[in-house]
Amino acid sequence: MSAGGRRALLRTLLALPGGALLGPRPAWAGGQIEEPLADSVRTALSAAIANDAPPVPSFSSSSWEAPSLVNLSNSLVNLFLSTRTK
């Protein structure tokens, strides 16, 4: 192998993630500080935590509600059965 070929190979190996010859390198996070949340975000999070009621699904019409849930249920059953046979 010529010197130029070896250099090209070395450049290629060093360009790989982590450098194939050097192995994994430690990550340095540097100086980090915790930034305070904006007041609106803090208020929204507090309200979401305080309201412990489960979400209620909303459908535009009750005639759509039942068939869509049945179709979804059938889809999940088929998906479950197909993954068990794989």
Protein backbone atom coordinates (compact mmCIF):
# COMPACT_ATOMS: atom_id res chain seq x y z
CA MET A 1 0.00 0.00 0.00
CA SER A 2 1.40 3.38 -0.94
CA ALA A 3 1.90 6.23 1.52
CA GLY A 4 -0.96 8.17 -0.09
CA GLY A 5 -3.27 5.17 0.28
CA ARG A 6 -2.36 4.79 3.94
CA ARG A 7 -3.02 8.47 4.57
CA ALA A 8 -6.42 8.24 2.86
CA LEU A 9 -7.31 5.16 4.91
CA LEU A 10 -6.21 6.88 8.12
CA ARG A 11 -8.26 9.99 7.27
CA THR A 12 -11.30 7.82 6.55
CA LEU A 13 -10.97 5.92 9.82
CA LEU A 14 -10.50 9.08 11.86
CA ALA A 15 -13.52 10.69 10.21
CA LEU A 16 -15.83 7.92 11.47
CA PRO A 17 -17.91 8.72 14.57
CA GLY A 18 -15.67 8.41 17.59
CA GLY A 19 -12.60 7.79 15.44
CA ALA A 20 -12.32 4.08 14.68
CA LEU A 21 -8.69 3.92 15.80
CA LEU A 22 -9.12 6.03 18.90
CA GLY A 23 -12.23 4.34 20.24
CA PRO A 24 -15.01 6.20 22.04
CA ARG A 25 -14.08 9.52 23.55
CA PRO A 26 -15.59 10.95 26.73
CA ALA A 27 -18.16 13.68 26.34
CA TRP A 28 -17.61 16.99 28.06
CA ALA A 29 -20.80 18.85 28.88
CA GLY A 30 -19.13 22.04 30.02
CA GLY A 31 -20.58 24.51 32.45
CA GLN A 32 -24.33 24.24 32.61
CA ILE A 33 -26.86 26.13 34.67
CA GLU A 34 -30.51 25.48 35.26
CA GLU A 35 -32.57 28.16 33.61
CA PRO A 36 -35.74 29.28 35.37
CA LEU A 37 -39.03 28.51 33.64
CA ALA A 38 -41.07 31.35 32.23
CA ASP A 39 -44.03 32.34 34.40
CA SER A 40 -46.53 31.20 31.76
CA VAL A 41 -44.92 27.76 31.55
CA ARG A 42 -44.79 27.41 35.32
CA THR A 43 -48.48 28.38 35.58
CA ALA A 44 -49.51 25.93 32.85
CA LEU A 45 -47.57 23.08 34.47
CA SER A 46 -49.06 23.84 37.89
CA ALA A 47 -52.57 23.87 36.42
CA ALA A 48 -51.98 20.57 34.62
CA ILE A 49 -50.77 18.93 37.82
CA ALA A 50 -53.60 20.36 39.93
CA ASN A 51 -56.26 19.09 37.49
CA ASP A 52 -55.99 15.37 38.14
CA ALA A 53 -59.15 14.43 36.24
CA PRO A 54 -58.54 12.11 33.28
CA PRO A 55 -58.99 13.63 29.84
CA VAL A 56 -62.40 13.18 28.24
CA PRO A 57 -62.38 12.26 24.55
CA SER A 58 -64.39 14.64 22.42
CA PHE A 59 -66.09 13.49 19.24
CA SER A 60 -67.82 15.84 16.85
CA SER A 61 -70.88 13.59 16.79
CA SER A 62 -71.98 10.55 18.76
CA SER A 63 -72.72 8.66 15.53
CA TRP A 64 -68.98 8.66 14.78
CA GLU A 65 -67.89 7.68 18.29
CA ALA A 66 -68.91 4.01 18.50
CA PRO A 67 -67.80 2.82 15.04
CA SER A 68 -64.43 4.53 15.34
CA LEU A 69 -63.73 2.90 18.71
CA VAL A 70 -64.75 -0.50 17.35
CA ASN A 71 -62.47 -0.05 14.33
CA LEU A 72 -59.61 1.01 16.57
CA SER A 73 -60.17 -1.95 18.85
CA ASN A 74 -60.19 -4.36 15.90
CA SER A 75 -57.01 -2.80 14.54
CA LEU A 76 -55.23 -3.23 17.85
CA VAL A 77 -56.34 -6.86 18.15
CA ASN A 78 -55.07 -7.59 14.63
CA LEU A 79 -51.78 -5.85 15.36
CA PHE A 80 -51.34 -7.79 18.58
CA LEU A 81 -52.08 -11.11 16.89
CA SER A 82 -49.73 -10.38 13.99
CA THR A 83 -46.84 -9.51 16.31
CA ARG A 84 -47.35 -12.69 18.34
CA THR A 85 -46.99 -14.86 15.24
CA LYS A 86 -43.77 -13.20 14.09
